[in-house]
């Protein structure tokens, strides 16, 4: 939902405010920190100087603690320091991006339908149950980007007693850093094939028309269990409070329905998805789609451990042959032909990552990579592939280690151990979009695996900036620490005996 951005203090003004609250002058702070001249403190308070001197001062302030700061005050200053470094808009976007990639669940949805308008339907969950209790429901949503609302929808849709045929069309405003917050809000339904989101870009429509899309409403056109159609509009008038408008009977639709249909041509889709499947032929097609997406593009990826595209083809072939007959049905196509086709495509993917002259950046989690070295299984191990042997893990990790040290276009990082892990798998492919995938699905294309490519340019720009200016700047090991970590992983794999 749209919010008014409130000014957030940079480091100097935040420190000045804190000094005022404690009744301490700049001169007194200079004396406590043994500065020969109070001008150094005034420069900090006035925001003069670069990020380096400002951070050095902050670290000294925390270490010496001349102000006897409590935990909340330290957090306020740390936040102000980051706002000074990247700016308020980027700070908010980075915070929203971290929440998105952490895939945090909200508390129980507190949304309700105002009882003064509809005393029989005051609970939003009951309203959703009513919408989805019949044969078919078409929902058109404008705004309403509150994660709790979308989790409530997902919870109800996922119930086994819901057999309603459903389609959701969602118009999302994409201005400023709102796009990141909005995608974080819709994440519960992001991968669903019945959910289509469209980007309302700033300046495309008149202010009056844009206001319709920036408003927060759910337009319902549904067919009940008896086959009768009805319409309903719910307007979000306060946070968590919907007001129902006049109910429409029969096949009558909202007056806005024609407007929405006309405007889809001016509102590009937010995402693209792939068609899943269960056979080895489907997996070969999926591998080809991945190659097309990756080919000769710069990449910025967050993944727990080694992705399949970093595994040499010869190793994969042996792992695939051992298990594929039990896991996949070749649909009348010779198994050897399918494996050969997979190997050809995978070889091109593998070579692309290590031979192209475009940047490849990937951040791993330490704990997941240690698990890989010990078990030979990726956190998202392809479901039709047996685990890698210890010898194969050594080969995989040694290859990555060599390229991390010698290849100027290939960059490996590890999140610092004290950094909260990002649960989502995400990769930015320059010029194509940002791919988000459900984690821990073993790439079972017939199961729970799902992916969505977000093509909206502002979101992609925010993700790339977040990756470089936040994650790489503050939350990963140094290059030497990374090489040392890879050496340790290779030792673990060597010491682990697996069949």
Protein backbone atom coordinates (compact mmCIF):
# COMPACT_ATOMS: atom_id res chain seq x y z
CA UNK A 1 0.00 0.00 0.00
CA UNK A 2 1.19 3.53 -0.65
CA UNK A 3 2.73 5.33 2.26
CA UNK A 4 4.10 8.82 2.71
CA UNK A 5 7.87 8.67 3.09
CA UNK A 6 8.85 10.26 6.39
CA UNK A 7 12.25 12.01 6.61
CA UNK A 8 14.89 9.76 8.14
CA UNK A 9 17.92 11.29 9.80
CA UNK A 10 21.42 10.99 8.43
CA UNK A 11 24.29 10.31 10.78
CA UNK A 12 25.23 13.90 11.66
CA UNK A 13 21.71 15.13 12.48
CA UNK A 14 20.96 11.86 14.33
CA UNK A 15 24.05 12.27 16.50
CA UNK A 16 23.24 15.95 17.08
CA UNK A 17 19.71 15.00 18.19
CA UNK A 18 21.10 12.35 20.52
CA UNK A 19 23.56 14.81 22.07
CA UNK A 20 20.70 17.23 22.69
CA UNK A 21 18.62 14.53 24.35
CA UNK A 22 21.54 13.69 26.65
CA UNK A 23 22.43 17.32 27.32
CA UNK A 24 25.97 16.92 25.99
CA UNK A 25 27.67 19.54 23.81
CA UNK A 26 29.92 18.87 20.84
CA UNK A 27 32.83 20.31 22.82
CA UNK A 28 32.15 17.88 25.68
CA UNK A 29 32.01 14.95 23.25
CA UNK A 30 35.32 16.06 21.76
CA UNK A 31 36.83 16.16 25.24
CA UNK A 32 35.51 12.70 26.15
CA UNK A 33 36.93 11.25 22.92
CA UNK A 34 40.25 13.09 23.37
CA UNK A 35 39.96 15.12 20.16
CA UNK A 36 42.39 18.02 20.14
CA UNK A 37 39.93 20.16 18.18
CA UNK A 38 36.18 20.17 18.46
CA UNK A 39 36.04 21.02 14.72
CA UNK A 40 36.36 17.32 14.00
CA UNK A 41 33.09 16.71 15.85
CA UNK A 42 31.39 19.63 14.11
CA UNK A 43 32.42 18.20 10.73
CA UNK A 44 30.72 14.93 11.63
CA UNK A 45 27.61 16.73 12.90
CA UNK A 46 27.43 18.83 9.72
CA UNK A 47 27.84 15.80 7.44
CA UNK A 48 31.17 16.99 6.07
CA UNK A 49 33.57 14.29 4.86
CA UNK A 50 33.21 10.92 3.23
CA UNK A 51 31.84 7.55 4.27
CA UNK A 52 35.22 6.27 5.45
CA UNK A 53 35.86 8.96 8.11
CA UNK A 54 32.22 8.80 9.18
CA UNK A 55 32.34 5.02 9.68
CA UNK A 56 35.69 5.27 11.51
CA UNK A 57 34.17 7.82 13.88
CA UNK A 58 31.10 5.63 14.44
CA UNK A 59 33.23 2.57 15.23
CA UNK A 60 35.33 4.57 17.68
CA UNK A 61 32.18 6.01 19.27
CA UNK A 62 30.80 2.51 19.79
CA UNK A 63 34.10 1.09 21.06
CA UNK A 64 34.85 3.90 23.55
CA UNK A 65 31.17 4.54 24.38
CA UNK A 66 31.58 8.10 25.75
CA UNK A 67 27.79 8.58 25.54
CA UNK A 68 26.82 5.37 27.37
CA UNK A 69 24.59 4.35 24.47
CA UNK A 70 21.88 1.76 24.96
CA UNK A 71 21.09 -0.88 22.32
CA UNK A 72 18.31 1.16 20.74
CA UNK A 73 20.55 4.22 20.40
CA UNK A 74 23.29 2.14 18.77
CA UNK A 75 20.78 0.81 16.25
CA UNK A 76 19.55 4.33 15.49
CA UNK A 77 23.07 5.55 14.82
CA UNK A 78 23.90 2.47 12.71
CA UNK A 79 20.78 3.07 10.62
CA UNK A 80 21.63 6.77 10.26
CA UNK A 81 25.15 5.82 9.15
CA UNK A 82 23.73 3.61 6.41
CA UNK A 83 21.28 6.32 5.31
CA UNK A 84 24.21 8.72 4.99
CA UNK A 85 26.04 6.15 2.86
CA UNK A 86 23.32 5.21 0.38
CA UNK A 87 20.51 7.75 0.81
CA UNK A 88 17.01 7.36 2.25
CA UNK A 89 15.36 5.91 -0.86
CA UNK A 90 18.06 3.26 -1.37
CA UNK A 91 18.06 2.46 2.36
CA UNK A 92 14.32 1.76 2.31
CA UNK A 93 14.62 -0.23 -0.91
CA UNK A 94 17.48 -2.32 0.53
CA UNK A 95 15.51 -2.99 3.71
CA UNK A 96 12.49 -4.05 1.69
CA UNK A 97 14.70 -6.23 -0.54
CA UNK A 98 16.14 -8.03 2.49
CA UNK A 99 12.63 -8.69 3.83
CA UNK A 100 11.61 -10.01 0.41
CA UNK A 101 14.57 -12.36 0.13
CA UNK A 102 14.13 -13.57 3.71
CA UNK A 103 10.55 -14.59 2.80
CA UNK A 104 9.33 -13.78 6.29
CA UNK A 105 5.84 -14.81 7.26
CA UNK A 106 3.64 -12.20 8.89
CA UNK A 107 1.41 -12.68 11.87
CA UNK A 108 -2.19 -13.71 11.37
CA UNK A 109 -3.95 -11.35 8.99
CA UNK A 110 -5.82 -8.70 10.94
CA UNK A 111 -7.80 -7.42 7.96
CA UNK A 112 -11.54 -7.20 8.39
CA UNK A 113 -14.62 -5.97 6.59
CA UNK A 114 -16.07 -3.06 8.53
CA UNK A 115 -18.95 -4.47 10.58
CA UNK A 116 -20.87 -1.19 10.41
CA UNK A 117 -21.39 -1.86 6.71
CA UNK A 118 -21.76 -5.64 6.79
CA UNK A 119 -22.37 -7.10 10.25
CA UNK A 120 -22.60 -10.64 8.87
CA UNK A 121 -19.21 -10.65 7.17
CA UNK A 122 -16.81 -8.75 9.40
CA UNK A 123 -13.93 -11.23 9.21
CA UNK A 124 -11.71 -11.01 6.11
CA UNK A 125 -11.01 -14.76 6.19
CA UNK A 126 -14.75 -15.39 6.07
CA UNK A 127 -15.01 -12.96 3.16
CA UNK A 128 -12.33 -14.86 1.27
CA UNK A 129 -14.07 -18.15 2.04
CA UNK A 130 -17.26 -16.71 0.57
CA UNK A 131 -15.43 -15.56 -2.58
CA UNK A 132 -13.86 -18.97 -3.12
CA UNK A 133 -16.76 -21.09 -1.97
CA UNK A 134 -18.40 -21.42 -5.35
CA UNK A 135 -17.47 -22.68 -8.80
CA UNK A 136 -15.44 -19.78 -10.12
CA UNK A 137 -13.98 -16.47 -8.97
CA UNK A 138 -12.27 -13.65 -10.85
CA UNK A 139 -10.51 -11.13 -8.63
CA UNK A 140 -9.12 -7.84 -9.90
CA UNK A 141 -6.93 -6.14 -7.30
CA UNK A 142 -5.57 -2.61 -7.35
CA UNK A 143 -2.89 -1.91 -4.78
CA UNK A 144 -3.64 -3.72 -1.50
CA UNK A 145 0.07 -4.62 -1.26
CA UNK A 146 -0.05 -5.84 2.32
CA UNK A 147 1.66 -9.20 2.77
CA UNK A 148 -0.80 -10.33 5.42
CA UNK A 149 -3.65 -10.00 2.90
CA UNK A 150 -1.85 -12.17 0.35
CA UNK A 151 -0.92 -14.75 2.95
CA UNK A 152 -4.58 -14.93 3.94
CA UNK A 153 -5.46 -15.53 0.28
CA UNK A 154 -2.80 -18.22 -0.06
CA UNK A 155 -3.93 -19.95 3.13
CA UNK A 156 -7.52 -20.16 1.94
CA UNK A 157 -6.62 -21.13 -1.64
CA UNK A 158 -4.43 -23.96 -0.38
CA UNK A 159 -7.21 -25.65 1.62
CA UNK A 160 -8.25 -29.06 0.23
CA UNK A 161 -11.95 -28.16 0.36
CA UNK A 162 -11.49 -25.21 -2.04
CA UNK A 163 -12.32 -26.36 -5.57
CA UNK A 164 -13.07 -22.94 -7.00
CA UNK A 165 -11.58 -22.11 -10.41
CA UNK A 166 -9.66 -18.91 -9.65
CA UNK A 167 -7.95 -16.15 -11.57
CA UNK A 168 -6.43 -13.02 -10.03
CA UNK A 169 -5.42 -9.92 -11.98
CA UNK A 170 -3.39 -7.45 -9.94
CA UNK A 171 -2.35 -3.91 -10.91
CA UNK A 172 0.73 -2.75 -8.97
CA UNK A 173 2.18 0.75 -8.90
CA UNK A 174 5.91 0.64 -9.60
CA UNK A 175 7.17 4.08 -8.55
CA UNK A 176 10.20 4.74 -6.33
CA UNK A 177 11.16 1.95 -3.91
CA UNK A 178 7.49 0.92 -3.65
CA UNK A 179 8.06 -1.79 -6.25
CA UNK A 180 10.31 -3.72 -3.85
CA UNK A 181 7.88 -3.44 -0.94
CA UNK A 182 5.01 -4.40 -3.23
CA UNK A 183 6.71 -7.52 -4.59
CA UNK A 184 7.58 -8.51 -1.03
CA UNK A 185 3.88 -8.21 -0.20
CA UNK A 186 2.69 -10.37 -3.11
CA UNK A 187 5.34 -13.07 -2.66
CA UNK A 188 2.85 -15.60 -1.23
CA UNK A 189 1.15 -15.72 -4.66
CA UNK A 190 4.07 -14.68 -6.86
CA UNK A 191 4.66 -18.16 -8.34
CA UNK A 192 1.00 -19.11 -8.77
CA UNK A 193 -0.18 -19.72 -12.34
CA UNK A 194 -3.59 -18.20 -11.58
CA UNK A 195 -2.01 -14.90 -10.46
CA UNK A 196 -1.11 -12.27 -13.07
CA UNK A 197 0.42 -8.97 -12.00
CA UNK A 198 0.74 -5.86 -14.17
CA UNK A 199 2.97 -2.83 -13.66
CA UNK A 200 1.38 0.60 -13.49
CA UNK A 201 4.34 2.77 -14.37
CA UNK A 202 4.58 6.41 -13.28
CA UNK A 203 3.51 8.92 -15.92
CA UNK A 204 1.72 6.47 -18.24
CA UNK A 205 -1.78 7.53 -17.16
CA UNK A 206 -3.27 10.82 -16.07
CA UNK A 207 -3.06 11.54 -12.35
CA UNK A 208 -6.78 10.86 -12.03
CA UNK A 209 -6.54 7.51 -13.80
CA UNK A 210 -3.35 6.58 -11.97
CA UNK A 211 -5.19 7.26 -8.70
CA UNK A 212 -7.55 4.37 -9.52
CA UNK A 213 -4.65 1.96 -9.74
CA UNK A 214 -2.93 3.40 -6.69
CA UNK A 215 -6.16 2.98 -4.75
CA UNK A 216 -6.63 -0.20 -2.75
CA UNK A 217 -9.59 -2.30 -3.87
CA UNK A 218 -10.57 -5.89 -4.57
CA UNK A 219 -13.14 -6.32 -7.34
CA UNK A 220 -14.87 -9.70 -7.17
CA UNK A 221 -16.80 -11.40 -9.96
CA UNK A 222 -17.80 -14.85 -8.74
CA UNK A 223 -20.11 -17.76 -9.42
CA UNK A 224 -21.56 -19.38 -6.34
CA UNK A 225 -22.20 -23.08 -5.72
CA UNK A 226 -25.65 -22.80 -7.32
CA UNK A 227 -24.18 -21.30 -10.51
CA UNK A 228 -25.40 -17.75 -9.91
CA UNK A 229 -23.02 -14.86 -10.60
CA UNK A 230 -22.52 -11.81 -8.41
CA UNK A 231 -20.10 -8.90 -8.13
CA UNK A 232 -18.62 -7.07 -5.17
CA UNK A 233 -16.03 -4.36 -4.55
CA UNK A 234 -14.06 -4.15 -1.31
CA UNK A 235 -12.28 -0.86 -0.69
CA UNK A 236 -9.39 -0.69 1.78
CA UNK A 237 -10.11 2.54 3.63
CA UNK A 238 -7.71 2.10 6.55
CA UNK A 239 -4.89 -0.36 7.23
CA UNK A 240 -6.58 -3.74 7.50
CA UNK A 241 -10.11 -2.34 7.15
CA UNK A 242 -12.20 -3.03 4.03
CA UNK A 243 -15.54 -1.42 3.24
CA UNK A 244 -17.86 -3.39 0.91
CA UNK A 245 -19.56 -1.43 -1.87
CA UNK A 246 -22.95 -2.25 -3.35
CA UNK A 247 -23.29 -5.90 -4.36
CA UNK A 248 -23.98 -6.52 -8.05
CA UNK A 249 -26.28 -9.33 -9.11
CA UNK A 250 -26.26 -11.55 -12.15
CA UNK A 251 -23.45 -11.20 -14.66
CA UNK A 252 -23.18 -7.45 -14.06
CA UNK A 253 -19.56 -6.37 -13.66
CA UNK A 254 -17.88 -3.42 -12.04
CA UNK A 255 -17.89 -0.22 -14.13
CA UNK A 256 -14.10 -0.39 -13.95
CA UNK A 257 -13.86 -3.81 -15.60
CA UNK A 258 -13.76 -2.40 -19.15
CA UNK A 259 -11.15 0.15 -18.06
CA UNK A 260 -8.96 -2.61 -16.64
CA UNK A 261 -9.30 -4.66 -19.84
CA UNK A 262 -8.30 -1.70 -22.02
CA UNK A 263 -5.35 -0.71 -19.84
CA UNK A 264 -3.61 -4.10 -19.74
CA UNK A 265 -1.91 -3.16 -23.02
CA UNK A 266 -0.30 -0.19 -21.24
CA UNK A 267 0.67 -2.11 -18.10
CA UNK A 268 3.46 -4.62 -18.83
CA UNK A 269 3.40 -7.97 -17.01
CA UNK A 270 5.43 -8.05 -13.81
CA UNK A 271 6.63 -11.62 -14.28
CA UNK A 272 7.12 -14.49 -16.66
CA UNK A 273 6.95 -18.15 -15.62
CA UNK A 274 7.83 -21.50 -17.14
CA UNK A 275 5.64 -24.53 -17.82
CA UNK A 276 6.52 -27.40 -15.45
CA UNK A 277 6.62 -31.03 -16.39
CA UNK A 278 7.48 -34.46 -15.06
CA UNK A 279 9.54 -36.21 -17.72
CA UNK A 280 13.16 -36.12 -18.73
CA UNK A 281 12.07 -34.41 -21.96
CA UNK A 282 10.57 -31.63 -19.84
CA UNK A 283 13.82 -31.35 -17.91
CA UNK A 284 15.80 -31.06 -21.16
CA UNK A 285 13.50 -28.24 -22.29
CA UNK A 286 13.89 -26.57 -18.90
CA UNK A 287 17.69 -26.80 -19.23
CA UNK A 288 17.47 -25.17 -22.66
CA UNK A 289 15.36 -22.34 -21.20
CA UNK A 290 18.02 -21.80 -18.53
CA UNK A 291 20.75 -21.65 -21.18
CA UNK A 292 18.78 -19.06 -23.14
CA UNK A 293 18.37 -16.95 -20.02
CA UNK A 294 22.02 -17.16 -18.98
CA UNK A 295 23.77 -17.00 -22.36
CA UNK A 296 26.43 -14.28 -22.40
CA UNK A 297 24.77 -12.22 -19.65
CA UNK A 298 26.21 -10.64 -16.54
CA UNK A 299 24.76 -12.43 -13.49
CA UNK A 300 24.27 -11.53 -9.82
CA UNK A 301 23.07 -14.57 -7.89
CA UNK A 302 22.22 -15.54 -4.32
CA UNK A 303 22.16 -19.30 -3.81
CA UNK A 304 22.78 -21.42 -0.75
CA UNK A 305 25.30 -23.75 -2.37
CA UNK A 306 26.67 -24.97 -5.72
CA UNK A 307 24.15 -24.57 -8.55
CA UNK A 308 23.85 -27.39 -11.05
CA UNK A 309 25.22 -25.20 -13.85
CA UNK A 310 28.59 -25.11 -12.02
CA UNK A 311 28.90 -28.93 -12.07
CA UNK A 312 30.96 -30.46 -14.93
CA UNK A 313 28.88 -32.37 -17.48
CA UNK A 314 30.74 -35.66 -17.01
CA UNK A 315 29.92 -35.70 -13.29
CA UNK A 316 26.26 -34.95 -13.92
CA UNK A 317 25.91 -37.68 -16.52
CA UNK A 318 27.02 -40.36 -14.08
CA UNK A 319 24.67 -39.07 -11.37
CA UNK A 320 21.78 -38.81 -13.82
CA UNK A 321 22.16 -42.30 -15.28
CA UNK A 322 22.05 -43.94 -11.85
CA UNK A 323 18.69 -42.53 -10.81
CA UNK A 324 16.81 -41.23 -13.83
CA UNK A 325 15.19 -44.55 -14.78
CA UNK A 326 13.51 -44.71 -11.37
CA UNK A 327 12.51 -41.05 -11.30
CA UNK A 328 11.43 -40.02 -14.80
CA UNK A 329 9.47 -41.52 -17.66
CA UNK A 330 10.95 -40.92 -21.11
CA UNK A 331 7.54 -40.84 -22.85
CA UNK A 332 8.53 -43.15 -25.67
CA UNK A 333 11.75 -41.27 -26.39
CA UNK A 334 14.99 -43.23 -26.05
CA UNK A 335 16.53 -42.49 -22.66
CA UNK A 336 20.06 -42.32 -24.05
CA UNK A 337 18.98 -39.70 -26.60
CA UNK A 338 17.50 -37.56 -23.85
CA UNK A 339 20.59 -37.85 -21.68
CA UNK A 340 22.78 -36.95 -24.65
CA UNK A 341 20.57 -33.91 -25.40
CA UNK A 342 20.76 -32.84 -21.76
CA UNK A 343 24.55 -33.24 -21.79
CA UNK A 344 24.93 -31.07 -24.90
CA UNK A 345 22.87 -28.25 -23.46
CA UNK A 346 24.43 -28.50 -20.02
CA UNK A 347 27.92 -28.34 -21.52
CA UNK A 348 27.01 -25.02 -23.14
CA UNK A 349 25.66 -23.72 -19.81
CA UNK A 350 28.81 -24.81 -18.00
CA UNK A 351 31.14 -23.27 -20.59
CA UNK A 352 29.10 -20.07 -20.66
CA UNK A 353 29.64 -19.45 -16.95
CA UNK A 354 33.39 -19.95 -17.02
CA UNK A 355 34.37 -18.68 -20.47
CA UNK A 356 32.12 -15.72 -21.19
CA UNK A 357 33.53 -12.22 -20.77
CA UNK A 358 30.59 -10.97 -18.74
CA UNK A 359 30.65 -10.72 -14.96
CA UNK A 360 29.37 -13.65 -12.90
CA UNK A 361 28.83 -12.98 -9.18
CA UNK A 362 27.41 -15.56 -6.76
CA UNK A 363 27.04 -15.50 -2.97
CA UNK A 364 26.94 -18.78 -1.04
CA UNK A 365 26.02 -19.57 2.56
CA UNK A 366 28.86 -21.09 4.59
CA UNK A 367 26.69 -23.64 6.38
CA UNK A 368 25.06 -24.87 3.14
CA UNK A 369 28.40 -25.24 1.36
CA UNK A 370 29.78 -27.25 4.30
CA UNK A 371 26.72 -29.47 4.09
CA UNK A 372 27.38 -29.94 0.36
CA UNK A 373 31.02 -30.88 1.00
CA UNK A 374 30.01 -33.46 3.65
CA UNK A 375 26.97 -35.01 1.96
CA UNK A 376 27.38 -34.49 -1.78
CA UNK A 377 23.87 -33.04 -1.92
CA UNK A 378 22.91 -29.54 -2.85
CA UNK A 379 20.26 -27.93 -0.69
CA UNK A 380 18.20 -28.02 -3.88
CA UNK A 381 19.60 -31.26 -5.28
CA UNK A 382 17.91 -32.20 -8.58
CA UNK A 383 15.46 -34.92 -7.69
CA UNK A 384 16.55 -37.37 -10.40
CA UNK A 385 20.28 -37.16 -9.62
CA UNK A 386 22.10 -39.25 -7.04
CA UNK A 387 24.42 -37.44 -4.57
CA UNK A 388 27.96 -36.66 -5.70
CA UNK A 389 30.79 -38.76 -4.35
CA UNK A 390 33.53 -37.25 -2.21
CA UNK A 391 35.88 -37.35 -5.18
CA UNK A 392 33.32 -35.56 -7.36
CA UNK A 393 32.80 -32.87 -4.70
CA UNK A 394 36.56 -32.27 -4.58
CA UNK A 395 36.57 -31.85 -8.38
CA UNK A 396 33.62 -29.43 -8.31
CA UNK A 397 35.02 -27.32 -5.48
CA UNK A 398 38.58 -27.33 -6.88
CA UNK A 399 37.27 -26.05 -10.21
CA UNK A 400 35.41 -23.23 -8.47
CA UNK A 401 38.44 -22.40 -6.36
CA UNK A 402 40.68 -22.09 -9.43
CA UNK A 403 38.26 -19.80 -11.24
CA UNK A 404 37.65 -17.72 -8.11
CA UNK A 405 41.38 -17.00 -7.99
CA UNK A 406 42.29 -16.79 -11.67
CA UNK A 407 39.20 -15.80 -13.70
CA UNK A 408 38.72 -12.00 -13.68
CA UNK A 409 35.07 -12.36 -14.71
CA UNK A 410 34.07 -15.03 -12.18
CA UNK A 411 33.47 -14.00 -8.56
CA UNK A 412 32.52 -16.19 -5.59
CA UNK A 413 31.53 -14.82 -2.17
CA UNK A 414 30.34 -16.26 1.13
CA UNK A 415 27.94 -14.54 3.49
CA UNK A 416 29.54 -13.73 6.81
CA UNK A 417 28.55 -16.17 9.53
CA UNK A 418 26.81 -13.43 11.55
CA UNK A 419 24.60 -12.33 8.64
CA UNK A 420 20.99 -13.47 8.69
CA UNK A 421 20.63 -15.98 5.84
CA UNK A 422 18.54 -15.07 2.82
CA UNK A 423 16.20 -17.96 2.15
CA UNK A 424 15.04 -17.16 -1.35
CA UNK A 425 17.04 -18.16 -4.41
CA UNK A 426 17.43 -15.23 -6.73
CA UNK A 427 19.51 -14.30 -9.75
CA UNK A 428 19.66 -11.14 -11.82
CA UNK A 429 20.37 -11.68 -15.51
CA UNK A 430 21.38 -8.36 -17.03
CA UNK A 431 18.96 -7.40 -19.77
CA UNK A 432 16.51 -10.24 -19.08
CA UNK A 433 15.16 -9.89 -15.53
CA UNK A 434 15.42 -11.13 -11.97
CA UNK A 435 14.64 -14.81 -11.44
CA UNK A 436 13.17 -15.87 -8.10
CA UNK A 437 12.72 -19.53 -7.24
CA UNK A 438 11.18 -21.43 -4.37
CA UNK A 439 13.99 -22.95 -2.29
CA UNK A 440 14.28 -26.59 -1.22
CA UNK A 441 12.14 -28.10 -3.99
CA UNK A 442 14.86 -30.30 -5.54
CA UNK A 443 13.88 -28.93 -8.96
CA UNK A 444 11.07 -31.44 -9.14
CA UNK A 445 9.24 -29.90 -12.09
CA UNK A 446 6.17 -32.01 -11.40
CA UNK A 447 6.13 -31.06 -7.72
CA UNK A 448 6.43 -27.87 -5.70
CA UNK A 449 9.18 -26.24 -7.76
CA UNK A 450 8.24 -22.83 -9.13
CA UNK A 451 10.05 -19.86 -10.61
CA UNK A 452 9.10 -16.37 -11.65
CA UNK A 453 11.16 -13.92 -13.70
CA UNK A 454 10.45 -10.36 -12.66
CA UNK A 455 11.02 -8.17 -15.70
CA UNK A 456 10.14 -4.78 -14.20
CA UNK A 457 13.16 -2.54 -14.76
CA UNK A 458 13.03 -0.56 -11.51
CA UNK A 459 12.92 -3.74 -9.44
CA UNK A 460 15.88 -5.20 -11.34
CA UNK A 461 17.85 -1.97 -10.81
CA UNK A 462 17.04 -2.06 -7.08
CA UNK A 463 18.15 -5.69 -6.83
CA UNK A 464 21.46 -5.06 -8.60
CA UNK A 465 22.16 -2.02 -6.40
CA UNK A 466 21.24 -4.02 -3.28
CA UNK A 467 23.53 -6.86 -4.33
CA UNK A 468 26.52 -4.59 -4.95
CA UNK A 469 26.06 -1.73 -2.49
CA UNK A 470 24.63 -3.66 0.45
CA UNK A 471 25.50 -7.37 0.30
CA UNK A 472 28.94 -7.14 -1.30
CA UNK A 473 29.83 -3.96 0.56
CA UNK A 474 29.00 -5.21 4.06
CA UNK A 475 27.99 -8.84 4.39
CA UNK A 476 30.49 -11.11 2.60
CA UNK A 477 33.95 -12.48 3.36
CA UNK A 478 37.04 -10.91 1.85
CA UNK A 479 38.62 -12.46 -1.24
CA UNK A 480 41.33 -14.17 0.80
CA UNK A 481 38.79 -15.42 3.34
CA UNK A 482 36.76 -16.81 0.43
CA UNK A 483 39.74 -18.72 -0.97
CA UNK A 484 40.54 -20.04 2.52
CA UNK A 485 36.91 -21.17 2.90
CA UNK A 486 37.07 -23.03 -0.43
CA UNK A 487 40.28 -24.75 0.70
CA UNK A 488 38.54 -25.84 3.89
CA UNK A 489 35.56 -27.18 1.94
CA UNK A 490 37.88 -29.17 -0.33
CA UNK A 491 39.53 -30.70 2.76
CA UNK A 492 36.13 -31.65 4.17
CA UNK A 493 35.16 -33.33 0.89
CA UNK A 494 38.47 -35.23 0.77
CA UNK A 495 37.97 -36.55 4.29
CA UNK A 496 34.39 -37.66 3.62
CA UNK A 497 34.05 -41.12 2.14
CA UNK A 498 30.91 -41.73 0.11
CA UNK A 499 29.96 -44.44 -2.32
